[in-house]
Amino acid sequence: MKQHFVMPVGVDDFRQVREKYYYVDKTDFIRKLIDGHAQATLITRPRRFGKTLTMSMLYYFFSNKDAEANRVLFEGSRVEQAGEQYMAEQGTRPVVFISLKDIKEDTFEGMLASFASSMQGMYQSFRWLLEGDALYAEEKEAYKTVLNGKADRTELQFSLKQLTAYLHRYYGKQVLVLIDEYDAPIQYAWDYGYYDEAIVFVRNYLSSVLKTNPHLDFAVLTGVLRIAKESIFSSLNNLEVASVASGEFLDVMGFTYEEIQKMAADFKVEDKLPEIKTWYDGYNFGGQEIYNPWSVICYFKQKCRPAAYWVNTSGNAILRKMLEKATAAQIKALTDLLHGKKITATIDEGVIYDGIYKNSNALFSMLLTTGYLTMVDYPDYAEGETRSTMRIPNREISYLFKGEVMAHLESVTPDNTLLGQLLDSLLMGNAEDFAEGLSNYLRLMASFYDTAARESFYHGLVLGLLATLMPRFEVVSNRESGYGRFDVAIFPCKNQTSGALLEFKVAESEAEMPERAKEALAQIEVNQYAAEFERRGVKNFWQYGIAFWGKKCHIEARGN
């Protein structure tokens, strides 16, 4: 087919993309499925990574509805070039394609009503099954119950499996089932407090069609989260999972470097490749380099203007609640990430909602799964390894990490006004109020176990609080200046008047704090840490010597 040069922002119907928009050929996924597939395959990817478009592609290829009209969509594609044996599979199967992404209800009854509406629409698309004698009389009545939106809970749970049975009998061929965003109802159920009821329903709904179903050819599911088998796939032994950390089909969703190169050449902007890489590359799925497809498409649509396009594309209530319960150690790790550092954590992709707050590694696994982090190295699962090094993937996510993750930490601190007052005191040179505010934070957010980590803990905690100043200020840690390395410096950006220079000490007792704070302040002068401020032309800044002991602090200050 003819290639078009309009970017498909928000378009997830394969036919529309092929007929009207620029298309990146992902049809080799079809070849891979034909060559070999599990009875059920679950592919998890972050939001806006092309899951629905991929499922739409599978539908148009395999569906026996309008098969000849759909065949033209694959002219010149990779699957056609792979050989006639693959195109021979085109249009040969009855296909059921259902998306659960819009089942976003605040009550269990509302969720059931949404499922009833979805299945009503699905049964409507196959309404012709009521004609002829393919269905028995009682089956036609059961079909009409779903069709008319009158199915009860039990009938809904088995409605998808029953539809595969009807289609199998009518065509004499097993059915391909495509389920997009399978986890959306569960996420909303958890958020609104009806998880226990929802998980039973969704487990029965899925397992009835996926397990020992003689009418099923195979199934492909997509989602953001890999809900643990113990919760939803407990009885399913034939499920293959392809996630951001492991499994096959690594390049199916998202753009590879070769695809980005071709896109840049097609639009005659090869000079923009370094910029695209800096902003939108960096994802590493099982060793495969991947660019964020949504952001790249928006970048080209906006005439190659770099920006954080991935922002506000959807919510994640689970992640928000996990951030509400973040420990001081986790806040320090998040701050390290924001400052370009790497962290190491145990990866556990299988989300067990009942224990999500009991698992100290769950937060970083969630950030990995939802696209805020990427893996630098991969554990050898065969050897029982589970720990991995992670980082923020690119500039776009660094901005979003600050805006969505760190800002939410600010919003859920015990008193958001307290943080604002603390930072105002810091920048205005009010040492007494600054000390009081910082002590309040230490009492609220730190345990004596945390403070046993000595100066590194306090350093990380203060960095986490200061992260909310960006991008109005540049916050720098452990930078060489003068004759040594200062602990933290806050450099004002445009339209700001004053900065700050902070040096930390840990006292052995409460009585020792004033003396240690004076030592820290003197160290700033002796080592000429202010040299970096002078180099940048910053004339107004405050100098702080801060001494910590347990959950208390003492601050000495002077102006420049």
Protein backbone atom coordinates (compact mmCIF):
# COMPACT_ATOMS: atom_id res chain seq x y z
CA MET A 1 0.00 0.00 0.00
CA LYS A 2 0.97 3.64 -0.45
CA GLN A 3 2.85 5.17 2.47
CA HIS A 4 1.26 8.31 3.90
CA PHE A 5 3.04 11.07 5.79
CA VAL A 6 0.50 12.13 8.40
CA MET A 7 1.31 10.92 11.91
CA PRO A 8 -1.44 8.77 13.55
CA VAL A 9 -1.68 10.50 16.93
CA GLY A 10 -4.27 8.59 18.97
CA VAL A 11 -5.34 6.35 16.07
CA ASP A 12 -5.38 2.67 17.05
CA ASP A 13 -7.42 1.11 14.23
CA PHE A 14 -5.08 -0.74 11.86
CA ARG A 15 -7.18 -0.13 8.76
CA GLN A 16 -7.29 3.62 9.35
CA VAL A 17 -3.55 3.78 9.93
CA ARG A 18 -2.75 1.81 6.77
CA GLU A 19 -5.14 3.83 4.60
CA LYS A 20 -4.52 7.36 5.90
CA TYR A 21 -1.41 7.63 8.07
CA TYR A 22 2.29 6.95 8.33
CA TYR A 23 2.81 3.32 9.28
CA VAL A 24 5.72 1.53 10.90
CA ASP A 25 5.55 -2.09 9.75
CA LYS A 26 5.10 -4.45 12.72
CA THR A 27 3.61 -7.35 10.78
CA ASP A 28 6.58 -9.60 11.48
CA PHE A 29 4.78 -10.27 14.77
CA ILE A 30 2.20 -12.16 12.73
CA ARG A 31 4.89 -14.36 11.22
CA LYS A 32 6.26 -15.12 14.66
CA LEU A 33 2.83 -16.14 15.94
CA ILE A 34 2.25 -18.40 12.95
CA ASP A 35 5.66 -20.02 13.43
CA GLY A 36 4.78 -20.91 17.01
CA HIS A 37 2.70 -19.63 19.89
CA ALA A 38 1.42 -20.65 23.28
CA GLN A 39 -2.22 -21.39 23.88
CA ALA A 40 -2.40 -17.97 25.54
CA THR A 41 0.16 -15.14 25.31
CA LEU A 42 0.14 -12.09 27.59
CA ILE A 43 2.17 -9.05 26.48
CA THR A 44 2.62 -6.28 29.04
CA ARG A 45 3.86 -2.83 28.05
CA PRO A 46 3.55 0.71 29.45
CA ARG A 47 0.65 2.93 28.47
CA ARG A 48 0.66 4.36 24.94
CA PHE A 49 3.09 1.78 23.57
CA GLY A 50 0.83 0.56 20.74
CA LYS A 51 -0.95 -2.35 22.41
CA THR A 52 -4.38 -1.69 20.91
CA LEU A 53 -3.01 -1.01 17.41
CA THR A 54 -1.08 -4.29 17.55
CA MET A 55 -4.22 -6.22 18.51
CA SER A 56 -6.15 -4.47 15.74
CA MET A 57 -3.47 -5.60 13.28
CA LEU A 58 -3.93 -9.22 14.39
CA TYR A 59 -7.69 -8.90 13.99
CA TYR A 60 -7.51 -7.59 10.42
CA PHE A 61 -5.04 -10.27 9.43
CA PHE A 62 -6.63 -13.38 10.91
CA SER A 63 -10.34 -12.51 10.83
CA ASN A 64 -12.44 -14.33 8.23
CA LYS A 65 -14.82 -11.36 8.15
CA ASP A 66 -14.14 -9.21 5.06
CA ALA A 67 -11.02 -11.29 4.44
CA GLU A 68 -10.49 -10.21 0.83
CA ALA A 69 -10.94 -6.52 1.62
CA ASN A 70 -8.50 -6.83 4.51
CA ARG A 71 -5.86 -8.61 2.46
CA VAL A 72 -4.93 -5.39 0.68
CA LEU A 73 -3.90 -3.91 4.04
CA PHE A 74 -0.90 -6.25 4.07
CA GLU A 75 0.36 -5.63 0.53
CA GLY A 76 4.11 -5.09 0.61
CA SER A 77 4.29 -5.77 4.35
CA ARG A 78 6.92 -7.85 6.09
CA VAL A 79 4.52 -10.73 6.64
CA GLU A 80 3.70 -10.83 2.92
CA GLN A 81 7.39 -10.72 2.05
CA ALA A 82 8.03 -13.60 4.46
CA GLY A 83 6.31 -16.01 2.09
CA GLU A 84 2.99 -17.23 0.77
CA GLN A 85 2.75 -19.82 3.55
CA TYR A 86 2.12 -16.94 5.94
CA MET A 87 -0.36 -15.08 3.76
CA ALA A 88 -2.21 -18.37 3.40
CA GLU A 89 -3.23 -17.88 7.06
CA GLN A 90 -4.77 -14.49 6.33
CA GLY A 91 -8.57 -14.36 6.76
CA THR A 92 -8.86 -17.97 7.89
CA ARG A 93 -10.21 -17.75 11.45
CA PRO A 94 -13.22 -16.53 13.36
CA VAL A 95 -11.84 -13.83 15.68
CA VAL A 96 -13.26 -12.32 18.85
CA PHE A 97 -11.57 -9.01 19.67
CA ILE A 98 -12.62 -7.29 22.89
CA SER A 99 -11.08 -4.40 24.81
CA LEU A 100 -11.56 -3.97 28.56
CA LYS A 101 -9.79 -0.60 28.72
CA ASP A 102 -13.02 1.37 29.14
CA ILE A 103 -14.29 -0.67 32.09
CA LYS A 104 -13.45 1.99 34.66
CA GLU A 105 -16.16 1.94 37.30
CA ASP A 106 -16.28 2.97 40.96
CA THR A 107 -18.53 0.10 42.11
CA PHE A 108 -18.72 -3.63 41.47
CA GLU A 109 -22.25 -3.21 40.14
CA GLY A 110 -20.97 -0.59 37.71
CA MET A 111 -18.20 -2.95 36.57
CA LEU A 112 -20.75 -5.72 35.88
CA ALA A 113 -22.89 -3.25 33.92
CA SER A 114 -19.85 -2.27 31.81
CA PHE A 115 -19.01 -5.92 31.15
CA ALA A 116 -22.65 -6.49 30.17
CA SER A 117 -22.48 -3.56 27.75
CA SER A 118 -19.20 -4.80 26.22
CA MET A 119 -20.52 -8.31 25.73
CA GLN A 120 -23.79 -6.94 24.39
CA GLY A 121 -21.85 -5.14 21.69
CA MET A 122 -19.77 -8.22 20.97
CA TYR A 123 -22.87 -10.42 20.62
CA GLN A 124 -24.43 -7.75 18.40
CA SER A 125 -21.52 -8.04 15.95
CA PHE A 126 -22.27 -11.76 15.58
CA ARG A 127 -26.06 -11.41 15.67
CA TRP A 128 -26.42 -13.45 12.49
CA LEU A 129 -25.67 -16.54 14.61
CA LEU A 130 -29.33 -16.43 15.62
CA GLU A 131 -30.29 -17.20 12.03
CA GLY A 132 -30.41 -20.79 10.82
CA ASP A 133 -29.88 -23.83 12.99
CA ALA A 134 -26.28 -23.42 14.20
CA LEU A 135 -27.61 -22.69 17.69
CA TYR A 136 -30.12 -24.78 19.58
CA ALA A 137 -33.34 -23.11 20.69
CA GLU A 138 -32.21 -22.75 24.30
CA GLU A 139 -28.86 -21.39 23.11
CA LYS A 140 -30.65 -18.75 21.07
CA GLU A 141 -32.53 -17.68 24.19
CA ALA A 142 -29.26 -17.50 26.14
CA TYR A 143 -27.73 -15.51 23.27
CA LYS A 144 -30.63 -13.05 23.35
CA THR A 145 -30.21 -12.61 27.09
CA VAL A 146 -26.68 -11.28 26.58
CA LEU A 147 -27.68 -9.41 23.42
CA ASN A 148 -30.43 -7.56 25.28
CA GLY A 149 -28.15 -6.67 28.21
CA LYS A 150 -30.08 -8.90 30.63
CA ALA A 151 -27.34 -11.40 31.52
CA ASP A 152 -26.73 -11.94 35.22
CA ARG A 153 -23.32 -12.26 36.84
CA THR A 154 -22.90 -15.98 36.17
CA GLU A 155 -24.06 -15.68 32.56
CA LEU A 156 -21.63 -12.80 32.00
CA GLN A 157 -18.71 -14.77 33.44
CA PHE A 158 -19.15 -17.45 30.80
CA SER A 159 -20.46 -15.30 27.94
CA LEU A 160 -17.09 -15.02 26.18
CA LYS A 161 -16.49 -18.77 26.28
CA GLN A 162 -20.03 -19.41 25.04
CA LEU A 163 -19.45 -17.10 22.09
CA THR A 164 -16.34 -19.11 21.10
CA ALA A 165 -18.45 -22.28 21.25
CA TYR A 166 -21.11 -20.82 18.96
CA LEU A 167 -18.54 -19.57 16.43
CA HIS A 168 -16.61 -22.85 16.48
CA ARG A 169 -19.75 -24.79 15.71
CA TYR A 170 -20.84 -22.39 12.96
CA TYR A 171 -17.51 -22.26 11.11
CA GLY A 172 -16.10 -25.63 12.05
CA LYS A 173 -12.90 -23.79 13.08
CA GLN A 174 -11.49 -22.89 16.46
CA VAL A 175 -11.58 -19.24 17.46
CA LEU A 176 -8.78 -16.70 17.94
CA VAL A 177 -9.46 -14.54 21.02
CA LEU A 178 -7.87 -11.09 21.43
CA ILE A 179 -8.30 -9.34 24.81
CA ASP A 180 -6.89 -5.82 25.02
CA GLU A 181 -6.07 -4.13 28.37
CA TYR A 182 -7.16 -7.16 30.37
CA ASP A 183 -6.04 -5.58 33.67
CA ALA A 184 -7.94 -2.28 33.46
CA PRO A 185 -11.02 -3.47 35.43
CA ILE A 186 -8.81 -4.89 38.21
CA GLN A 187 -6.86 -1.66 38.57
CA TYR A 188 -10.04 0.35 39.02
CA ALA A 189 -11.52 -2.24 41.37
CA TRP A 190 -8.45 -1.91 43.60
CA ASP A 191 -8.65 1.85 43.52
CA TYR A 192 -12.33 1.96 44.48
CA GLY A 193 -12.34 -0.81 47.06
CA TYR A 194 -14.16 -3.73 45.43
CA TYR A 195 -11.10 -5.75 44.43
CA ASP A 196 -12.13 -9.02 46.14
CA GLU A 197 -15.38 -9.24 44.21
CA ALA A 198 -13.86 -8.09 40.93
CA ILE A 199 -10.93 -10.51 40.97
CA VAL A 200 -13.25 -13.51 41.30
CA PHE A 201 -15.39 -12.34 38.39
CA VAL A 202 -12.51 -11.48 36.07
CA ARG A 203 -10.65 -14.69 36.96
CA ASN A 204 -13.70 -16.77 35.99
CA TYR A 205 -14.33 -14.66 32.88
CA LEU A 206 -10.78 -15.20 31.60
CA SER A 207 -10.11 -18.75 32.76
CA SER A 208 -13.36 -20.03 31.27
CA VAL A 209 -12.22 -19.01 27.78
CA LEU A 210 -8.48 -19.62 28.16
CA LYS A 211 -8.32 -22.91 30.09
CA THR A 212 -9.20 -26.28 28.53
CA ASN A 213 -11.53 -24.59 26.06
CA PRO A 214 -11.93 -26.89 23.04
CA HIS A 215 -13.26 -23.99 20.99
CA LEU A 216 -10.10 -21.86 21.38
CA ASP A 217 -7.41 -21.79 18.72
CA PHE A 218 -5.16 -19.46 20.70
CA ALA A 219 -5.41 -16.17 22.57
CA VAL A 220 -3.37 -12.97 22.86
CA LEU A 221 -3.84 -10.60 25.78
CA THR A 222 -2.30 -7.19 26.45
CA GLY A 223 -2.08 -5.03 29.56
CA VAL A 224 0.15 -2.75 31.59
CA LEU A 225 0.51 -4.91 34.69
CA ARG A 226 1.25 -8.58 34.97
CA ILE A 227 -1.17 -9.60 37.70
CA ALA A 228 0.25 -12.61 39.54
CA LYS A 229 -0.94 -16.08 38.62
CA GLU A 230 -1.92 -16.55 42.25
CA SER A 231 -4.51 -13.81 41.82
CA ILE A 232 -6.00 -14.19 38.37
CA PHE A 233 -4.29 -16.96 36.37
CA SER A 234 -4.00 -19.52 39.16
CA SER A 235 -5.55 -22.33 37.14
CA LEU A 236 -3.91 -21.46 33.83
CA ASN A 237 -0.82 -23.50 32.99
CA ASN A 238 -0.60 -22.59 29.31
CA LEU A 239 0.11 -18.86 29.64
CA GLU A 240 3.25 -17.37 28.10
CA VAL A 241 4.19 -13.90 29.39
CA ALA A 242 6.20 -11.38 27.37
CA SER A 243 6.96 -8.44 29.65
CA VAL A 244 9.33 -5.47 29.72
CA ALA A 245 11.82 -7.65 31.63
CA SER A 246 11.56 -11.06 29.99
CA GLY A 247 9.91 -13.11 27.30
CA GLU A 248 9.64 -12.92 23.51
CA PHE A 249 8.21 -10.36 21.05
CA LEU A 250 10.57 -7.66 22.33
CA ASP A 251 10.26 -5.32 19.31
CA VAL A 252 6.53 -5.74 18.65
CA MET A 253 5.50 -2.59 20.53
CA GLY A 254 7.59 0.56 20.47
CA PHE A 255 10.05 1.61 17.76
CA THR A 256 13.49 0.15 17.18
CA TYR A 257 16.48 2.29 16.20
CA GLU A 258 16.27 1.00 12.61
CA GLU A 259 12.60 2.06 12.45
CA ILE A 260 13.49 5.50 13.81
CA GLN A 261 16.25 5.82 11.20
CA LYS A 262 13.80 5.04 8.40
CA MET A 263 11.24 7.46 9.82
CA ALA A 264 13.82 10.25 9.97
CA ALA A 265 14.89 9.50 6.40
CA ASP A 266 11.29 9.46 5.16
CA PHE A 267 10.65 12.87 6.70
CA LYS A 268 14.11 14.14 5.70
CA VAL A 269 15.20 15.02 9.23
CA GLU A 270 18.16 12.68 9.74
CA ASP A 271 19.90 15.50 11.60
CA LYS A 272 17.29 15.10 14.36
CA LEU A 273 18.31 11.52 15.24
CA PRO A 274 20.55 12.52 18.21
CA GLU A 275 17.76 14.69 19.63
CA ILE A 276 15.18 11.91 19.25
CA LYS A 277 17.53 9.50 20.98
CA THR A 278 18.16 11.84 23.91
CA TRP A 279 14.48 12.50 24.48
CA TYR A 280 12.69 9.24 23.65
CA ASP A 281 15.15 6.33 23.51
CA GLY A 282 16.55 4.41 26.46
CA TYR A 283 14.00 1.66 27.00
CA ASN A 284 15.54 -1.77 27.18
CA PHE A 285 13.11 -4.66 26.79
CA GLY A 286 15.04 -7.87 27.30
CA GLY A 287 18.10 -6.35 25.65
CA GLN A 288 16.14 -4.76 22.76
CA GLU A 289 16.56 -0.99 22.44
CA ILE A 290 13.13 0.65 22.18
CA TYR A 291 11.89 4.21 21.64
CA ASN A 292 8.61 5.47 23.10
CA PRO A 293 6.24 5.29 20.08
CA TRP A 294 3.63 7.77 21.33
CA SER A 295 6.22 10.44 22.01
CA VAL A 296 8.06 9.93 18.73
CA ILE A 297 4.82 10.18 16.76
CA CYS A 298 3.89 13.39 18.60
CA TYR A 299 7.42 14.74 18.03
CA PHE A 300 7.09 14.36 14.25
CA LYS A 301 3.50 15.63 14.33
CA GLN A 302 4.72 18.79 16.08
CA LYS A 303 7.39 19.42 13.43
CA CYS A 304 10.22 17.93 15.51
CA ARG A 305 9.66 20.02 18.61
CA PRO A 306 11.01 18.08 21.62
CA ALA A 307 8.68 17.97 24.61
CA ALA A 308 7.34 15.57 27.23
CA TYR A 309 4.42 14.27 25.16
CA TRP A 310 3.84 11.17 27.31
CA VAL A 311 2.56 13.31 30.20
CA ASN A 312 -1.04 12.85 31.36
CA THR A 313 -1.79 10.14 28.82
CA SER A 314 -3.46 8.14 31.60
CA GLY A 315 -3.51 7.68 35.33
CA ASN A 316 -2.11 5.01 37.59
CA ALA A 317 -3.92 4.94 40.93
CA ILE A 318 -1.92 1.98 42.22
CA LEU A 319 1.37 3.79 41.72
CA ARG A 320 -0.02 6.89 43.43
CA LYS A 321 -1.04 4.88 46.47
CA MET A 322 2.34 3.18 46.61
CA LEU A 323 4.02 6.59 46.61
CA GLU A 324 1.79 7.62 49.50
CA LYS A 325 3.38 4.84 51.54
CA ALA A 326 6.97 5.34 50.36
CA THR A 327 9.58 4.95 53.06
CA ALA A 328 12.44 7.36 53.62
CA ALA A 329 14.83 4.87 52.00
CA GLN A 330 12.59 4.68 48.92
CA ILE A 331 12.37 8.48 48.74
CA LYS A 332 16.17 8.63 48.81
CA ALA A 333 16.34 6.08 45.96
CA LEU A 334 13.80 8.06 43.93
CA THR A 335 15.85 11.21 44.48
CA ASP A 336 19.01 9.40 43.36
CA LEU A 337 17.20 8.38 40.16
CA LEU A 338 16.13 11.96 39.52
CA HIS A 339 19.76 13.03 39.79
CA GLY A 340 20.84 10.57 37.11
CA LYS A 341 21.96 7.75 39.36
CA LYS A 342 21.13 4.06 39.06
CA ILE A 343 19.48 1.89 41.70
CA THR A 344 19.42 -1.84 42.31
CA ALA A 345 16.25 -3.61 43.39
CA THR A 346 14.58 -6.99 43.26
CA ILE A 347 12.23 -7.33 40.30
CA ASP A 348 8.85 -8.91 40.94
CA GLU A 349 6.56 -8.22 38.00
CA GLY A 350 3.68 -10.36 39.23
CA VAL A 351 1.40 -7.94 41.07
CA ILE A 352 -0.34 -9.49 44.08
CA TYR A 353 -2.58 -6.67 45.19
CA ASP A 354 -3.19 -7.98 48.70
CA GLY A 355 0.52 -7.82 49.47
CA ILE A 356 1.53 -4.85 47.38
CA TYR A 357 2.40 -2.62 50.33
CA LYS A 358 4.24 -5.38 52.20
CA ASN A 359 6.81 -5.85 49.43
CA SER A 360 9.55 -3.23 49.70
CA ASN A 361 10.59 -3.84 46.08
CA ALA A 362 7.08 -3.50 44.63
CA LEU A 363 7.41 0.26 44.07
CA PHE A 364 10.40 -0.08 41.76
CA SER A 365 8.89 -3.06 39.95
CA MET A 366 5.80 -0.91 39.37
CA LEU A 367 7.87 2.02 38.09
CA LEU A 368 9.62 -0.40 35.72
CA THR A 369 6.39 -1.93 34.45
CA THR A 370 4.67 1.40 33.93
CA GLY A 371 7.57 2.91 31.95
CA TYR A 372 9.21 5.33 34.39
CA LEU A 373 12.30 3.13 34.74
CA THR A 374 14.19 0.76 32.48
CA MET A 375 16.59 -2.07 33.21
CA VAL A 376 20.32 -1.64 32.71
CA ASP A 377 21.10 -5.30 33.28
CA TYR A 378 18.97 -8.40 33.46
CA PRO A 379 18.91 -11.03 36.19
CA ASP A 380 19.68 -14.61 35.21
CA TYR A 381 16.34 -16.09 36.17
CA ALA A 382 17.62 -19.57 35.39
CA GLU A 383 20.18 -19.12 38.16
CA GLY A 384 17.61 -17.79 40.59
CA GLU A 385 18.69 -14.16 40.28
CA THR A 386 16.02 -11.51 40.79
CA ARG A 387 17.91 -8.24 41.33
CA SER A 388 18.49 -5.73 38.57
CA THR A 389 19.98 -2.29 38.07
CA MET A 390 17.54 0.35 36.83
CA ARG A 391 17.59 3.98 35.73
CA ILE A 392 15.35 6.65 34.21
CA PRO A 393 15.42 5.94 30.45
CA ASN A 394 15.58 9.38 28.81
CA ARG A 395 15.12 13.14 29.11
CA GLU A 396 11.36 13.03 28.65
CA ILE A 397 10.90 10.59 31.51
CA SER A 398 13.31 12.54 33.67
CA TYR A 399 10.99 15.55 33.33
CA LEU A 400 7.91 13.42 33.93
CA PHE A 401 9.56 11.66 36.86
CA LYS A 402 9.91 15.04 38.48
CA GLY A 403 6.44 16.19 37.48
CA GLU A 404 4.44 13.02 38.17
CA VAL A 405 6.42 10.96 40.68
CA MET A 406 8.31 13.47 42.82
CA ALA A 407 5.50 16.03 42.71
CA HIS A 408 3.09 13.38 43.96
CA LEU A 409 5.45 12.63 46.82
CA GLU A 410 5.23 16.31 47.68
CA SER A 411 1.43 16.25 47.53
CA VAL A 412 1.12 13.28 49.90
CA THR A 413 3.55 14.42 52.57
CA PRO A 414 1.83 14.85 55.95
CA ASP A 415 1.54 18.61 55.48
CA ASN A 416 2.15 20.05 52.04
CA THR A 417 2.14 23.59 53.47
CA LEU A 418 4.98 22.50 55.73
CA LEU A 419 7.22 21.77 52.75
CA GLY A 420 6.50 25.13 51.15
CA GLN A 421 7.27 26.94 54.39
CA LEU A 422 10.48 24.97 54.83
CA LEU A 423 11.75 25.84 51.35
CA ASP A 424 10.75 29.49 51.72
CA SER A 425 12.72 29.67 54.96
CA LEU A 426 15.72 28.07 53.30
CA LEU A 427 15.80 30.52 50.39
CA MET A 428 15.17 33.56 52.61
CA GLY A 429 17.95 32.74 55.07
CA ASN A 430 15.61 32.16 58.02
CA ALA A 431 17.71 29.52 59.77
CA GLU A 432 15.46 29.16 62.80
CA ASP A 433 12.31 28.40 60.79
CA PHE A 434 14.30 26.24 58.37
CA ALA A 435 15.62 24.16 61.29
CA GLU A 436 12.13 23.81 62.74
CA GLY A 437 10.66 22.71 59.41
CA LEU A 438 13.45 20.23 58.70
CA SER A 439 13.10 18.76 62.20
CA ASN A 440 9.37 18.31 61.60
CA TYR A 441 10.11 16.38 58.43
CA LEU A 442 12.63 14.21 60.23
CA ARG A 443 10.03 13.32 62.85
CA LEU A 444 7.38 12.57 60.25
CA MET A 445 9.39 10.67 57.65
CA ALA A 446 12.41 9.08 59.32
CA SER A 447 12.89 6.25 61.75
CA PHE A 448 15.91 5.75 63.98
CA TYR A 449 16.69 2.73 61.79
CA ASP A 450 16.88 5.07 58.78
CA THR A 451 19.09 7.57 60.56
CA ALA A 452 21.54 4.81 61.43
CA ALA A 453 22.71 5.16 57.82
CA ARG A 454 24.42 8.34 59.01
CA GLU A 455 25.18 11.24 56.69
CA SER A 456 24.15 9.46 53.48
CA PHE A 457 20.59 9.14 54.75
CA TYR A 458 20.27 12.81 55.71
CA HIS A 459 21.86 13.83 52.40
CA GLY A 460 19.32 11.80 50.44
CA LEU A 461 16.36 13.03 52.48
CA VAL A 462 17.27 16.69 51.97
CA LEU A 463 17.80 16.09 48.23
CA GLY A 464 14.34 14.57 48.04
CA LEU A 465 12.79 17.65 49.61
CA LEU A 466 14.77 19.99 47.38
CA ALA A 467 13.75 18.11 44.21
CA THR A 468 10.47 20.03 44.28
CA LEU A 469 12.40 23.25 43.57
CA MET A 470 13.25 22.10 40.05
CA PRO A 471 13.07 23.40 37.34
CA ARG A 472 12.97 26.88 38.94
CA PHE A 473 16.31 26.06 40.55
CA GLU A 474 19.14 23.72 39.69
CA VAL A 475 19.88 21.38 42.60
CA VAL A 476 23.41 19.95 42.49
CA SER A 477 24.91 17.32 44.79
CA ASN A 478 28.56 16.42 45.57
CA ARG A 479 30.04 18.78 42.97
CA GLU A 480 33.67 19.91 42.99
CA SER A 481 34.06 23.59 43.83
CA GLY A 482 37.02 25.48 45.28
CA TYR A 483 39.20 23.00 47.18
CA GLY A 484 36.70 20.18 47.66
CA ARG A 485 33.16 18.91 47.10
CA PHE A 486 30.17 20.64 48.61
CA ASP A 487 27.22 18.52 49.78
CA VAL A 488 24.31 20.37 48.09
CA ALA A 489 24.04 23.63 46.17
CA ILE A 490 20.87 25.34 44.91
CA PHE A 491 21.55 27.58 41.92
CA PRO A 492 18.80 30.05 40.95
CA CYS A 493 17.57 30.06 37.37
CA LYS A 494 16.14 33.11 35.61
CA ASN A 495 13.82 35.37 37.57
CA GLN A 496 15.08 33.96 40.89
CA THR A 497 17.14 36.07 43.28
CA SER A 498 18.95 33.83 45.78
CA GLY A 499 20.42 30.38 46.05
CA ALA A 500 21.80 28.25 48.87
CA LEU A 501 24.83 26.14 49.78
CA LEU A 502 24.39 23.31 52.30
CA GLU A 503 27.02 21.30 54.16
CA PHE A 504 26.07 18.38 56.45
CA LYS A 505 27.58 16.85 59.58
CA VAL A 506 26.36 14.10 61.93
CA ALA A 507 26.72 14.67 65.67
CA GLU A 508 27.36 11.98 68.27
CA SER A 509 24.92 13.57 70.70
CA GLU A 510 22.29 16.30 70.84
CA ALA A 511 24.64 18.53 72.79
CA GLU A 512 27.26 18.25 70.06
CA MET A 513 24.98 19.51 67.28
CA PRO A 514 25.72 23.28 67.55
CA GLU A 515 29.46 22.73 67.37
CA ARG A 516 29.19 20.35 64.43
CA ALA A 517 26.93 22.82 62.56
CA LYS A 518 29.53 25.56 63.04
CA GLU A 519 32.22 23.18 61.70
CA ALA A 520 30.12 22.58 58.59
CA LEU A 521 29.63 26.30 58.03
CA ALA A 522 33.34 26.94 58.50
CA GLN A 523 34.16 24.19 56.00
CA ILE A 524 32.23 26.06 53.31
CA GLU A 525 34.50 29.08 53.78
CA VAL A 526 37.79 27.21 54.27
CA ASN A 527 37.31 25.07 51.15
CA GLN A 528 35.89 27.99 49.14
CA TYR A 529 32.81 26.05 48.06
CA ALA A 530 31.27 29.36 46.95
CA ALA A 531 33.59 29.40 43.92
CA GLU A 532 30.94 27.73 41.76
CA PHE A 533 28.42 30.44 42.62
CA GLU A 534 30.95 33.10 41.65
CA ARG A 535 31.70 31.27 38.39
CA ARG A 536 27.98 31.27 37.54
CA GLY A 537 27.59 34.94 38.45
CA VAL A 538 25.24 34.22 41.38
CA LYS A 539 25.78 37.00 43.89
CA ASN A 540 23.03 36.28 46.41
CA PHE A 541 23.02 32.94 48.22
CA TRP A 542 22.76 31.61 51.75
CA GLN A 543 25.29 29.30 53.39
CA TYR A 544 24.11 26.62 55.83
CA GLY A 545 26.00 24.33 58.15
CA ILE A 546 23.58 21.59 59.23
CA ALA A 547 24.21 19.05 62.00
CA PHE A 548 21.95 16.03 62.49
CA TRP A 549 21.43 13.74 65.45
CA GLY A 550 18.66 11.16 65.22
CA LYS A 551 15.46 13.01 64.32
CA LYS A 552 16.83 16.40 65.30
CA CYS A 553 18.96 19.02 63.59
CA HIS A 554 20.74 22.27 64.31
CA ILE A 555 21.47 24.87 61.64
CA GLU A 556 24.02 27.70 61.48
CA ALA A 557 23.65 30.18 58.62
CA ARG A 558 25.14 33.29 57.07
CA GLY A 559 24.45 35.35 53.98
CA ASN A 560 26.91 35.96 51.20
